[in-house]
Structures are given as structure tokens and as C-alpha cells.
């Protein structure tokens, strides 16, 4: 039977793997791995583990993805962010996407309601 430390290590590795998968899924292919972010609600955090372990595991998952990872707790939400410097061409793509999203939202808000 595995000892307590071995079980804790396995749980922690599974937490890292799960967070890495969630972080990878949040990436947009056109941004080539930049502008990564993960938003975990209080319910997500309660399901995953205690806050200290989640933050530590998120930083490790970020390292695996090549991120310069930071975590920020705002209210009951934990934000996991990639703070690497973004190449200019990727920044342009992200800016174009943001502008297009704002334009779509503006057009949607101006449509007459039925």
C-alpha cells in the first residue's frame, strides 16, 4: 500500500496535469500560445484542492507550457495568467480580434429588439 506522501504526490501531479489541460484548452491557436489565461471560480477551486496547492500547481503547469505564470485572487476567483512579453505580430492579431469582438458587440446592441 502506498504511503501517505506518495498518495499526496500523485494527487498533486494529477492536479498539475488537470490545470495544464485546462490552460492549454484556453489558448487560441492564432495567438501561438501567447495571451494564456485561466479563470477559476470559487466552485472550481473547491473542487480542485486548497488554494495554496492550486496556485502552486498552476505555476508548475504554466512552466510546462512555457508561460511566465502569475496567479491573482480576486474575490473568490483565481486568475492564472501568462505574463510573457508578446511578439509584435501576435499582439497585432490579438488587437484585431479584440476590435472585431467590440465591433460585433456594438452592432448587436444597435439591432432593434423585437
PDB file of N, CA and C in Angstrom:
ATOM      1  N   UNK A   1       0.849  -1.189   0.000  1.00  0.00           N
ATOM      2  CA  UNK A   1       0.000   0.000   0.000  1.00  0.00           C
ATOM      3  C   UNK A   1       0.890   1.246   0.000  1.00  0.00           C
ATOM      4  N   UNK A   2       0.617   2.208  -0.923  1.00  0.00           N
ATOM      5  CA  UNK A   2       1.444   3.427  -0.975  1.00  0.00           C
ATOM      6  C   UNK A   2       1.321   4.232   0.312  1.00  0.00           C
ATOM      7  N   UNK A   3       2.425   4.885   0.689  1.00  0.00           N
ATOM      8  CA  UNK A   3       2.362   5.696   1.898  1.00  0.00           C
ATOM      9  C   UNK A   3       1.653   7.025   1.610  1.00  0.00           C
ATOM     10  N   UNK A   4       1.381   7.747   2.674  1.00  0.00           N
ATOM     11  CA  UNK A   4       0.626   8.994   2.596  1.00  0.00           C
ATOM     12  C   UNK A   4       1.303  10.026   1.686  1.00  0.00           C
ATOM     13  N   UNK A   5       2.630  10.126   1.774  1.00  0.00           N
ATOM     14  CA  UNK A   5       3.364  11.076   0.936  1.00  0.00           C
ATOM     15  C   UNK A   5       3.250  10.729  -0.543  1.00  0.00           C
ATOM     16  N   UNK A   6       3.292   9.448  -0.851  1.00  0.00           N
ATOM     17  CA  UNK A   6       3.170   9.006  -2.242  1.00  0.00           C
ATOM     18  C   UNK A   6       1.782   9.338  -2.782  1.00  0.00           C
ATOM     19  N   UNK A   7       0.748   9.136  -2.001  1.00  0.00           N
ATOM     20  CA  UNK A   7      -0.613   9.474  -2.429  1.00  0.00           C
ATOM     21  C   UNK A   7      -0.762  10.977  -2.642  1.00  0.00           C
ATOM     22  N   UNK A   8      -0.194  11.753  -1.746  1.00  0.00           N
ATOM     23  CA  UNK A   8      -0.253  13.215  -1.877  1.00  0.00           C
ATOM     24  C   UNK A   8       0.484  13.664  -3.133  1.00  0.00           C
ATOM     25  N   UNK A   9       1.634  13.077  -3.408  1.00  0.00           N
ATOM     26  CA  UNK A   9       2.395  13.419  -4.604  1.00  0.00           C
ATOM     27  C   UNK A   9       1.608  13.079  -5.861  1.00  0.00           C
ATOM     28  N   UNK A  10       0.954  11.921  -5.882  1.00  0.00           N
ATOM     29  CA  UNK A  10       0.148  11.520  -7.042  1.00  0.00           C
ATOM     30  C   UNK A  10      -1.025  12.485  -7.247  1.00  0.00           C
ATOM     31  N   UNK A  11      -1.696  12.857  -6.155  1.00  0.00           N
ATOM     32  CA  UNK A  11      -2.815  13.809  -6.249  1.00  0.00           C
ATOM     33  C   UNK A  11      -2.338  15.149  -6.806  1.00  0.00           C
ATOM     34  N   UNK A  12      -1.189  15.585  -6.323  1.00  0.00           N
ATOM     35  CA  UNK A  12      -0.636  16.858  -6.769  1.00  0.00           C
ATOM     36  C   UNK A  12      -0.261  16.801  -8.252  1.00  0.00           C
ATOM     37  N   UNK A  13       0.342  15.726  -8.696  1.00  0.00           N
ATOM     38  CA  UNK A  13       0.688  15.569 -10.116  1.00  0.00           C
ATOM     39  C   UNK A  13      -0.570  15.559 -10.981  1.00  0.00           C
ATOM     40  N   UNK A  14      -1.622  14.913 -10.502  1.00  0.00           N
ATOM     41  CA  UNK A  14      -2.892  14.910 -11.248  1.00  0.00           C
ATOM     42  C   UNK A  14      -3.481  16.316 -11.315  1.00  0.00           C
ATOM     43  N   UNK A  15      -3.333  17.080 -10.234  1.00  0.00           N
ATOM     44  CA  UNK A  15      -3.808  18.466 -10.224  1.00  0.00           C
ATOM     45  C   UNK A  15      -3.044  19.290 -11.252  1.00  0.00           C
ATOM     46  N   UNK A  16      -1.739  19.134 -11.303  1.00  0.00           N
ATOM     47  CA  UNK A  16      -0.927  19.847 -12.298  1.00  0.00           C
ATOM     48  C   UNK A  16      -1.394  19.470 -13.700  1.00  0.00           C
ATOM     49  N   UNK A  17      -1.556  18.180 -13.951  1.00  0.00           N
ATOM     50  CA  UNK A  17      -1.979  17.711 -15.277  1.00  0.00           C
ATOM     51  C   UNK A  17      -3.347  18.291 -15.649  1.00  0.00           C
ATOM     52  N   UNK A  18      -4.265  18.308 -14.699  1.00  0.00           N
ATOM     53  CA  UNK A  18      -5.612  18.831 -14.977  1.00  0.00           C
ATOM     54  C   UNK A  18      -5.564  20.329 -15.285  1.00  0.00           C
ATOM     55  N   UNK A  19      -4.816  21.080 -14.485  1.00  0.00           N
ATOM     56  CA  UNK A  19      -4.702  22.513 -14.730  1.00  0.00           C
ATOM     57  C   UNK A  19      -3.995  22.794 -16.051  1.00  0.00           C
ATOM     58  N   UNK A  20      -2.959  22.022 -16.365  1.00  0.00           N
ATOM     59  CA  UNK A  20      -2.266  22.204 -17.638  1.00  0.00           C
ATOM     60  C   UNK A  20      -3.237  21.980 -18.799  1.00  0.00           C
ATOM     61  N   UNK A  21      -4.054  20.958 -18.693  1.00  0.00           N
ATOM     62  CA  UNK A  21      -5.037  20.677 -19.741  1.00  0.00           C
ATOM     63  C   UNK A  21      -6.030  21.830 -19.887  1.00  0.00           C
ATOM     64  N   UNK A  22      -6.505  22.359 -18.768  1.00  0.00           N
ATOM     65  CA  UNK A  22      -7.444  23.483 -18.795  1.00  0.00           C
ATOM     66  C   UNK A  22      -6.779  24.726 -19.392  1.00  0.00           C
ATOM     67  N   UNK A  23      -5.537  24.962 -19.014  1.00  0.00           N
ATOM     68  CA  UNK A  23      -4.808  26.126 -19.521  1.00  0.00           C
ATOM     69  C   UNK A  23      -4.565  25.987 -21.021  1.00  0.00           C
ATOM     70  N   UNK A  24      -4.177  24.804 -21.448  1.00  0.00           N
ATOM     71  CA  UNK A  24      -3.937  24.556 -22.875  1.00  0.00           C
ATOM     72  C   UNK A  24      -5.227  24.754 -23.671  1.00  0.00           C
ATOM     73  N   UNK A  25      -6.357  24.289 -23.127  1.00  0.00           N
ATOM     74  CA  UNK A  25      -7.646  24.416 -23.809  1.00  0.00           C
ATOM     75  C   UNK A  25      -8.075  25.879 -23.950  1.00  0.00           C
ATOM     76  N   UNK A  26      -7.584  26.745 -23.079  1.00  0.00           N
ATOM     77  CA  UNK A  26      -7.970  28.157 -23.128  1.00  0.00           C
ATOM     78  C   UNK A  26      -7.198  28.945 -24.191  1.00  0.00           C
ATOM     79  N   UNK A  27      -6.170  28.336 -24.755  1.00  0.00           N
ATOM     80  CA  UNK A  27      -5.328  29.031 -25.724  1.00  0.00           C
ATOM     81  C   UNK A  27      -6.000  29.097 -27.094  1.00  0.00           C
ATOM     82  N   UNK A  28      -5.797  30.213 -27.779  1.00  0.00           N
ATOM     83  CA  UNK A  28      -6.285  30.381 -29.145  1.00  0.00           C
ATOM     84  C   UNK A  28      -5.132  30.058 -30.089  1.00  0.00           C
ATOM     85  N   UNK A  29      -5.341  29.132 -31.021  1.00  0.00           N
ATOM     86  CA  UNK A  29      -4.243  28.729 -31.913  1.00  0.00           C
ATOM     87  C   UNK A  29      -3.599  29.903 -32.654  1.00  0.00           C
ATOM     88  N   UNK A  30      -4.393  30.876 -33.059  1.00  0.00           N
ATOM     89  CA  UNK A  30      -3.866  32.001 -33.832  1.00  0.00           C
ATOM     90  C   UNK A  30      -2.926  32.882 -32.999  1.00  0.00           C
ATOM     91  N   UNK A  31      -2.958  32.738 -31.675  1.00  0.00           N
ATOM     92  CA  UNK A  31      -2.069  33.525 -30.822  1.00  0.00           C
ATOM     93  C   UNK A  31      -0.815  32.747 -30.436  1.00  0.00           C
ATOM     94  N   UNK A  32      -0.648  31.566 -31.019  1.00  0.00           N
ATOM     95  CA  UNK A  32       0.561  30.759 -30.891  1.00  0.00           C
ATOM     96  C   UNK A  32       1.026  30.555 -29.450  1.00  0.00           C
ATOM     97  N   UNK A  33       0.087  30.338 -28.554  1.00  0.00           N
ATOM     98  CA  UNK A  33       0.427  30.046 -27.162  1.00  0.00           C
ATOM     99  C   UNK A  33       0.540  31.258 -26.264  1.00  0.00           C
ATOM    100  N   UNK A  34       0.438  32.463 -26.819  1.00  0.00           N
ATOM    101  CA  UNK A  34       0.518  33.685 -26.008  1.00  0.00           C
ATOM    102  C   UNK A  34      -0.871  34.093 -25.540  1.00  0.00           C
ATOM    103  N   UNK A  35      -0.916  35.042 -24.623  1.00  0.00           N
ATOM    104  CA  UNK A  35      -2.152  35.573 -24.039  1.00  0.00           C
ATOM    105  C   UNK A  35      -2.955  34.492 -23.314  1.00  0.00           C
ATOM    106  N   UNK A  36      -2.254  33.547 -22.716  1.00  0.00           N
ATOM    107  CA  UNK A  36      -2.931  32.485 -21.985  1.00  0.00           C
ATOM    108  C   UNK A  36      -3.537  33.001 -20.695  1.00  0.00           C
ATOM    109  N   UNK A  37      -4.702  32.480 -20.374  1.00  0.00           N
ATOM    110  CA  UNK A  37      -5.333  32.809 -19.101  1.00  0.00           C
ATOM    111  C   UNK A  37      -6.341  31.739 -18.744  1.00  0.00           C
ATOM    112  N   UNK A  38      -6.518  31.552 -17.465  1.00  0.00           N
ATOM    113  CA  UNK A  38      -7.497  30.614 -16.941  1.00  0.00           C
ATOM    114  C   UNK A  38      -8.200  31.293 -15.790  1.00  0.00           C
ATOM    115  N   UNK A  39      -9.509  31.218 -15.778  1.00  0.00           N
ATOM    116  CA  UNK A  39     -10.337  31.834 -14.745  1.00  0.00           C
ATOM    117  C   UNK A  39     -11.035  30.713 -13.978  1.00  0.00           C
ATOM    118  N   UNK A  40     -10.685  30.570 -12.708  1.00  0.00           N
ATOM    119  CA  UNK A  40     -11.278  29.526 -11.867  1.00  0.00           C
ATOM    120  C   UNK A  40     -12.212  30.162 -10.848  1.00  0.00           C
ATOM    121  N   UNK A  41     -13.460  29.718 -10.854  1.00  0.00           N
ATOM    122  CA  UNK A  41     -14.448  30.229  -9.898  1.00  0.00           C
ATOM    123  C   UNK A  41     -14.198  29.616  -8.521  1.00  0.00           C
ATOM    124  N   UNK A  42     -14.894  30.129  -7.541  1.00  0.00           N
ATOM    125  CA  UNK A  42     -14.811  29.571  -6.201  1.00  0.00           C
ATOM    126  C   UNK A  42     -15.223  28.105  -6.180  1.00  0.00           C
ATOM    127  N   UNK A  43     -16.237  27.755  -6.975  1.00  0.00           N
ATOM    128  CA  UNK A  43     -16.666  26.354  -7.068  1.00  0.00           C
ATOM    129  C   UNK A  43     -15.577  25.484  -7.687  1.00  0.00           C
ATOM    130  N   UNK A  44     -14.925  26.011  -8.734  1.00  0.00           N
ATOM    131  CA  UNK A  44     -13.814  25.277  -9.359  1.00  0.00           C
ATOM    132  C   UNK A  44     -12.715  25.018  -8.327  1.00  0.00           C
ATOM    133  N   UNK A  45     -12.387  26.056  -7.582  1.00  0.00           N
ATOM    134  CA  UNK A  45     -11.318  25.935  -6.582  1.00  0.00           C
ATOM    135  C   UNK A  45     -11.674  24.903  -5.524  1.00  0.00           C
ATOM    136  N   UNK A  46     -12.913  24.930  -5.057  1.00  0.00           N
ATOM    137  CA  UNK A  46     -13.343  23.988  -4.032  1.00  0.00           C
ATOM    138  C   UNK A  46     -13.251  22.553  -4.548  1.00  0.00           C
ATOM    139  N   UNK A  47     -13.533  22.368  -5.821  1.00  0.00           N
ATOM    140  CA  UNK A  47     -13.487  21.036  -6.427  1.00  0.00           C
ATOM    141  C   UNK A  47     -12.052  20.555  -6.610  1.00  0.00           C
ATOM    142  N   UNK A  48     -11.134  21.473  -6.926  1.00  0.00           N
ATOM    143  CA  UNK A  48      -9.766  21.093  -7.260  1.00  0.00           C
ATOM    144  C   UNK A  48      -8.920  20.732  -6.046  1.00  0.00           C
ATOM    145  N   UNK A  49      -8.808  21.648  -5.108  1.00  0.00           N
ATOM    146  CA  UNK A  49      -7.947  21.436  -3.941  1.00  0.00           C
ATOM    147  C   UNK A  49      -7.941  22.728  -3.133  1.00  0.00           C
ATOM    148  N   UNK A  50      -7.045  22.824  -2.158  1.00  0.00           N
ATOM    149  CA  UNK A  50      -6.983  24.087  -1.424  1.00  0.00           C
ATOM    150  C   UNK A  50      -6.231  25.118  -2.266  1.00  0.00           C
ATOM    151  N   UNK A  51      -6.494  26.385  -1.992  1.00  0.00           N
ATOM    152  CA  UNK A  51      -5.991  27.487  -2.796  1.00  0.00           C
ATOM    153  C   UNK A  51      -4.472  27.445  -2.956  1.00  0.00           C
ATOM    154  N   UNK A  52      -3.761  27.206  -1.883  1.00  0.00           N
ATOM    155  CA  UNK A  52      -2.297  27.181  -1.933  1.00  0.00           C
ATOM    156  C   UNK A  52      -1.809  26.130  -2.923  1.00  0.00           C
ATOM    157  N   UNK A  53      -2.384  24.930  -2.883  1.00  0.00           N
ATOM    158  CA  UNK A  53      -1.978  23.865  -3.796  1.00  0.00           C
ATOM    159  C   UNK A  53      -2.347  24.197  -5.239  1.00  0.00           C
ATOM    160  N   UNK A  54      -3.517  24.785  -5.460  1.00  0.00           N
ATOM    161  CA  UNK A  54      -3.943  25.138  -6.816  1.00  0.00           C
ATOM    162  C   UNK A  54      -2.998  26.185  -7.395  1.00  0.00           C
ATOM    163  N   UNK A  55      -2.665  27.190  -6.611  1.00  0.00           N
ATOM    164  CA  UNK A  55      -1.762  28.238  -7.113  1.00  0.00           C
ATOM    165  C   UNK A  55      -0.402  27.658  -7.474  1.00  0.00           C
ATOM    166  N   UNK A  56       0.122  26.830  -6.604  1.00  0.00           N
ATOM    167  CA  UNK A  56       1.432  26.227  -6.838  1.00  0.00           C
ATOM    168  C   UNK A  56       1.376  25.317  -8.071  1.00  0.00           C
ATOM    169  N   UNK A  57       0.344  24.502  -8.172  1.00  0.00           N
ATOM    170  CA  UNK A  57       0.197  23.595  -9.314  1.00  0.00           C
ATOM    171  C   UNK A  57      -0.012  24.374 -10.617  1.00  0.00           C
ATOM    172  N   UNK A  58      -0.733  25.484 -10.554  1.00  0.00           N
ATOM    173  CA  UNK A  58      -0.957  26.305 -11.750  1.00  0.00           C
ATOM    174  C   UNK A  58       0.362  26.903 -12.243  1.00  0.00           C
ATOM    175  N   UNK A  59       1.204  27.325 -11.321  1.00  0.00           N
ATOM    176  CA  UNK A  59       2.504  27.860 -11.732  1.00  0.00           C
ATOM    177  C   UNK A  59       3.355  26.771 -12.384  1.00  0.00           C
ATOM    178  N   UNK A  60       3.302  25.557 -11.840  1.00  0.00           N
ATOM    179  CA  UNK A  60       4.045  24.443 -12.434  1.00  0.00           C
ATOM    180  C   UNK A  60       3.470  24.096 -13.814  1.00  0.00           C
ATOM    181  N   UNK A  61       2.153  24.058 -13.937  1.00  0.00           N
ATOM    182  CA  UNK A  61       1.524  23.780 -15.235  1.00  0.00           C
ATOM    183  C   UNK A  61       1.923  24.856 -16.243  1.00  0.00           C
ATOM    184  N   UNK A  62       1.958  26.094 -15.813  1.00  0.00           N
ATOM    185  CA  UNK A  62       2.375  27.183 -16.686  1.00  0.00           C
ATOM    186  C   UNK A  62       3.807  27.016 -17.155  1.00  0.00           C
ATOM    187  N   UNK A  63       4.697  26.604 -16.259  1.00  0.00           N
ATOM    188  CA  UNK A  63       6.094  26.364 -16.655  1.00  0.00           C
ATOM    189  C   UNK A  63       6.157  25.305 -17.750  1.00  0.00           C
ATOM    190  N   UNK A  64       5.340  24.273 -17.609  1.00  0.00           N
ATOM    191  CA  UNK A  64       5.308  23.216 -18.629  1.00  0.00           C
ATOM    192  C   UNK A  64       4.880  23.772 -19.992  1.00  0.00           C
ATOM    193  N   UNK A  65       4.031  24.796 -19.977  1.00  0.00           N
ATOM    194  CA  UNK A  65       3.546  25.402 -21.214  1.00  0.00           C
ATOM    195  C   UNK A  65       4.448  26.531 -21.717  1.00  0.00           C
ATOM    196  N   UNK A  66       5.490  26.836 -20.956  1.00  0.00           N
ATOM    197  CA  UNK A  66       6.393  27.915 -21.344  1.00  0.00           C
ATOM    198  C   UNK A  66       5.910  29.296 -20.936  1.00  0.00           C
ATOM    199  N   UNK A  67       4.917  29.343 -20.071  1.00  0.00           N
ATOM    200  CA  UNK A  67       4.364  30.619 -19.618  1.00  0.00           C
ATOM    201  C   UNK A  67       5.251  31.242 -18.546  1.00  0.00           C
ATOM    202  N   UNK A  68       5.151  32.544 -18.417  1.00  0.00           N
ATOM    203  CA  UNK A  68       5.642  33.266 -17.239  1.00  0.00           C
ATOM    204  C   UNK A  68       4.370  33.464 -16.411  1.00  0.00           C
ATOM    205  N   UNK A  69       4.106  32.521 -15.532  1.00  0.00           N
ATOM    206  CA  UNK A  69       2.806  32.404 -14.875  1.00  0.00           C
ATOM    207  C   UNK A  69       2.706  33.252 -13.617  1.00  0.00           C
ATOM    208  N   UNK A  70       1.571  33.899 -13.491  1.00  0.00           N
ATOM    209  CA  UNK A  70       1.229  34.589 -12.258  1.00  0.00           C
ATOM    210  C   UNK A  70      -0.205  34.209 -11.909  1.00  0.00           C
ATOM    211  N   UNK A  71      -0.513  34.229 -10.633  1.00  0.00           N
ATOM    212  CA  UNK A  71      -1.884  33.957 -10.190  1.00  0.00           C
ATOM    213  C   UNK A  71      -2.377  35.164  -9.403  1.00  0.00           C
ATOM    214  N   UNK A  72      -3.655  35.471  -9.594  1.00  0.00           N
ATOM    215  CA  UNK A  72      -4.271  36.590  -8.872  1.00  0.00           C
ATOM    216  C   UNK A  72      -5.619  36.150  -8.340  1.00  0.00           C
ATOM    217  N   UNK A  73      -5.816  36.348  -7.059  1.00  0.00           N
ATOM    218  CA  UNK A  73      -7.092  36.041  -6.426  1.00  0.00           C
ATOM    219  C   UNK A  73      -7.898  37.329  -6.357  1.00  0.00           C
ATOM    220  N   UNK A  74      -9.080  37.322  -6.958  1.00  0.00           N
ATOM    221  CA  UNK A  74      -9.986  38.473  -6.948  1.00  0.00           C
ATOM    222  C   UNK A  74     -11.325  37.962  -6.434  1.00  0.00           C
ATOM    223  N   UNK A  75     -11.674  38.379  -5.226  1.00  0.00           N
ATOM    224  CA  UNK A  75     -12.877  37.824  -4.608  1.00  0.00           C
ATOM    225  C   UNK A  75     -12.671  36.332  -4.406  1.00  0.00           C
ATOM    226  N   UNK A  76     -13.585  35.539  -4.965  1.00  0.00           N
ATOM    227  CA  UNK A  76     -13.434  34.086  -4.843  1.00  0.00           C
ATOM    228  C   UNK A  76     -12.931  33.454  -6.136  1.00  0.00           C
ATOM    229  N   UNK A  77     -12.442  34.262  -7.078  1.00  0.00           N
ATOM    230  CA  UNK A  77     -11.960  33.779  -8.373  1.00  0.00           C
ATOM    231  C   UNK A  77     -10.432  33.832  -8.411  1.00  0.00           C
ATOM    232  N   UNK A  78      -9.855  32.792  -8.987  1.00  0.00           N
ATOM    233  CA  UNK A  78      -8.411  32.760  -9.186  1.00  0.00           C
ATOM    234  C   UNK A  78      -8.142  32.882 -10.675  1.00  0.00           C
ATOM    235  N   UNK A  79      -7.338  33.870 -11.035  1.00  0.00           N
ATOM    236  CA  UNK A  79      -6.937  34.073 -12.414  1.00  0.00           C
ATOM    237  C   UNK A  79      -5.497  33.593 -12.559  1.00  0.00           C
ATOM    238  N   UNK A  80      -5.272  32.757 -13.545  1.00  0.00           N
ATOM    239  CA  UNK A  80      -3.940  32.260 -13.868  1.00  0.00           C
ATOM    240  C   UNK A  80      -3.586  32.890 -15.208  1.00  0.00           C
ATOM    241  N   UNK A  81      -2.507  33.672 -15.234  1.00  0.00           N
ATOM    242  CA  UNK A  81      -2.179  34.479 -16.404  1.00  0.00           C
ATOM    243  C   UNK A  81      -0.756  34.224 -16.890  1.00  0.00           C
ATOM    244  N   UNK A  82      -0.597  34.297 -18.204  1.00  0.00           N
ATOM    245  CA  UNK A  82       0.718  34.230 -18.829  1.00  0.00           C
ATOM    246  C   UNK A  82       1.172  35.672 -19.046  1.00  0.00           C
ATOM    247  N   UNK A  83       2.249  36.058 -18.401  1.00  0.00           N
ATOM    248  CA  UNK A  83       2.718  37.436 -18.490  1.00  0.00           C
ATOM    249  C   UNK A  83       3.999  37.573 -19.312  1.00  0.00           C
ATOM    250  N   UNK A  84       4.216  36.637 -20.220  1.00  0.00           N
ATOM    251  CA  UNK A  84       5.382  36.779 -21.103  1.00  0.00           C
ATOM    252  C   UNK A  84       5.202  37.992 -22.002  1.00  0.00           C
ATOM    253  N   UNK A  85       6.321  38.546 -22.436  1.00  0.00           N
ATOM    254  CA  UNK A  85       6.260  39.610 -23.431  1.00  0.00           C
ATOM    255  C   UNK A  85       5.798  38.981 -24.739  1.00  0.00           C
ATOM    256  N   UNK A  86       4.828  39.633 -25.377  1.00  0.00           N
ATOM    257  CA  UNK A  86       4.202  39.083 -26.583  1.00  0.00           C
ATOM    258  C   UNK A  86       4.856  39.693 -27.821  1.00  0.00           C
ATOM    259  N   UNK A  87       5.237  38.858 -28.793  1.00  0.00           N
ATOM    260  CA  UNK A  87       5.803  39.398 -30.033  1.00  0.00           C
ATOM    261  C   UNK A  87       4.805  40.331 -30.722  1.00  0.00           C
ATOM    262  N   UNK A  88       5.341  41.312 -31.411  1.00  0.00           N
ATOM    263  CA  UNK A  88       4.516  42.349 -32.047  1.00  0.00           C
ATOM    264  C   UNK A  88       3.462  41.770 -32.989  1.00  0.00           C
ATOM    265  N   UNK A  89       3.847  40.776 -33.787  1.00  0.00           N
ATOM    266  CA  UNK A  89       2.881  40.224 -34.752  1.00  0.00           C
ATOM    267  C   UNK A  89       1.714  39.526 -34.051  1.00  0.00           C
ATOM    268  N   UNK A  90       1.975  38.883 -32.925  1.00  0.00           N
ATOM    269  CA  UNK A  90       0.908  38.231 -32.156  1.00  0.00           C
ATOM    270  C   UNK A  90       0.041  39.301 -31.493  1.00  0.00           C
ATOM    271  N   UNK A  91       0.659  40.359 -31.018  1.00  0.00           N
ATOM    272  CA  UNK A  91      -0.082  41.472 -30.402  1.00  0.00           C
ATOM    273  C   UNK A  91      -1.041  42.094 -31.415  1.00  0.00           C
ATOM    274  N   UNK A  92      -0.594  42.206 -32.660  1.00  0.00           N
ATOM    275  CA  UNK A  92      -1.476  42.751 -33.714  1.00  0.00           C
ATOM    276  C   UNK A  92      -2.688  41.842 -33.931  1.00  0.00           C
ATOM    277  N   UNK A  93      -2.441  40.540 -34.006  1.00  0.00           N
ATOM    278  CA  UNK A  93      -3.544  39.585 -34.199  1.00  0.00           C
ATOM    279  C   UNK A  93      -4.529  39.692 -33.037  1.00  0.00           C
ATOM    280  N   UNK A  94      -4.016  39.739 -31.814  1.00  0.00           N
ATOM    281  CA  UNK A  94      -4.882  39.848 -30.634  1.00  0.00           C
ATOM    282  C   UNK A  94      -5.665  41.156 -30.659  1.00  0.00           C
ATOM    283  N   UNK A  95      -5.008  42.241 -31.041  1.00  0.00           N
ATOM    284  CA  UNK A  95      -5.689  43.533 -31.130  1.00  0.00           C
ATOM    285  C   UNK A  95      -6.778  43.525 -32.178  1.00  0.00           C
ATOM    286  N   UNK A  96      -6.508  42.904 -33.330  1.00  0.00           N
ATOM    287  CA  UNK A  96      -7.517  42.803 -34.384  1.00  0.00           C
ATOM    288  C   UNK A  96      -8.724  41.994 -33.911  1.00  0.00           C
ATOM    289  N   UNK A  97      -8.463  40.906 -33.193  1.00  0.00           N
ATOM    290  CA  UNK A  97      -9.563  40.081 -32.666  1.00  0.00           C
ATOM    291  C   UNK A  97     -10.392  40.861 -31.654  1.00  0.00           C
ATOM    292  N   UNK A  98      -9.736  41.611 -30.804  1.00  0.00           N
ATOM    293  CA  UNK A  98     -10.448  42.414 -29.813  1.00  0.00           C
ATOM    294  C   UNK A  98     -11.301  43.469 -30.500  1.00  0.00           C
ATOM    295  N   UNK A  99     -10.745  44.147 -31.485  1.00  0.00           N
ATOM    296  CA  UNK A  99     -11.501  45.170 -32.212  1.00  0.00           C
ATOM    297  C   UNK A  99     -12.713  44.559 -32.911  1.00  0.00           C
ATOM    298  N   UNK A 100     -12.541  43.387 -33.514  1.00  0.00           N
ATOM    299  CA  UNK A 100     -13.656  42.712 -34.195  1.00  0.00           C
ATOM    300  C   UNK A 100     -14.739  42.314 -33.195  1.00  0.00           C
ATOM    301  N   UNK A 101     -14.341  41.845 -32.022  1.00  0.00           N
ATOM    302  CA  UNK A 101     -15.319  41.460 -30.994  1.00  0.00           C
ATOM    303  C   UNK A 101     -16.094  42.680 -30.500  1.00  0.00           C
ATOM    304  N   UNK A 102     -15.407  43.788 -30.307  1.00  0.00           N
ATOM    305  CA  UNK A 102     -16.077  45.022 -29.881  1.00  0.00           C
ATOM    306  C   UNK A 102     -17.040  45.493 -30.957  1.00  0.00           C
ATOM    307  N   UNK A 103     -16.622  45.420 -32.211  1.00  0.00           N
ATOM    308  CA  UNK A 103     -17.487  45.824 -33.317  1.00  0.00           C
ATOM    309  C   UNK A 103     -18.740  44.948 -33.378  1.00  0.00           C
ATOM    310  N   UNK A 104     -18.568  43.626 -33.223  1.00  0.00           N
ATOM    311  CA  UNK A 104     -19.736  42.723 -33.223  1.00  0.00           C
ATOM    312  C   UNK A 104     -20.681  43.050 -32.075  1.00  0.00           C
ATOM    313  N   UNK A 105     -20.134  43.299 -30.903  1.00  0.00           N
ATOM    314  CA  UNK A 105     -20.968  43.623 -29.740  1.00  0.00           C
ATOM    315  C   UNK A 105     -21.711  44.927 -29.964  1.00  0.00           C
ATOM    316  N   UNK A 106     -21.039  45.906 -30.529  1.00  0.00           N
ATOM    317  CA  UNK A 106     -21.666  47.192 -30.808  1.00  0.00           C
ATOM    318  C   UNK A 106     -22.807  47.017 -31.816  1.00  0.00           C
ATOM    319  N   UNK A 107     -22.564  46.274 -32.885  1.00  0.00           N
ATOM    320  CA  UNK A 107     -23.602  46.033 -33.894  1.00  0.00           C
ATOM    321  C   UNK A 107     -24.790  45.288 -33.284  1.00  0.00           C
ATOM    322  N   UNK A 108     -24.495  44.313 -32.445  1.00  0.00           N
ATOM    323  CA  UNK A 108     -25.562  43.544 -31.785  1.00  0.00           C
ATOM    324  C   UNK A 108     -26.405  44.448 -30.887  1.00  0.00           C
ATOM    325  N   UNK A 109     -25.771  45.362 -30.187  1.00  0.00           N
ATOM    326  CA  UNK A 109     -26.512  46.245 -29.270  1.00  0.00           C
ATOM    327  C   UNK A 109     -27.346  47.273 -30.022  1.00  0.00           C
ATOM    328  N   UNK A 110     -27.010  47.540 -31.272  1.00  0.00           N
ATOM    329  CA  UNK A 110     -27.739  48.531 -32.057  1.00  0.00           C
ATOM    330  C   UNK A 110     -28.899  47.922 -32.856  1.00  0.00           C
ATOM    331  N   UNK A 111     -28.985  46.607 -32.884  1.00  0.00           N
ATOM    332  CA  UNK A 111     -30.093  45.966 -33.594  1.00  0.00           C
ATOM    333  C   UNK A 111     -31.395  46.228 -32.857  1.00  0.00           C
ATOM    334  N   UNK A 112     -32.458  46.497 -33.592  1.00  0.00           N
ATOM    335  CA  UNK A 112     -33.767  46.719 -32.932  1.00  0.00           C
ATOM    336  C   UNK A 112     -34.239  45.425 -32.262  1.00  0.00           C
ATOM    337  N   UNK A 113     -34.792  45.581 -31.109  1.00  0.00           N
ATOM    338  CA  UNK A 113     -35.337  44.447 -30.350  1.00  0.00           C
ATOM    339  C   UNK A 113     -36.743  44.157 -30.848  1.00  0.00           C
ATOM    340  N   UNK A 114     -37.089  42.907 -30.947  1.00  0.00           N
ATOM    341  CA  UNK A 114     -38.435  42.546 -31.394  1.00  0.00           C
ATOM    342  C   UNK A 114     -39.306  42.188 -30.221  1.00  0.00           C
TER     343      UNK A 114
END
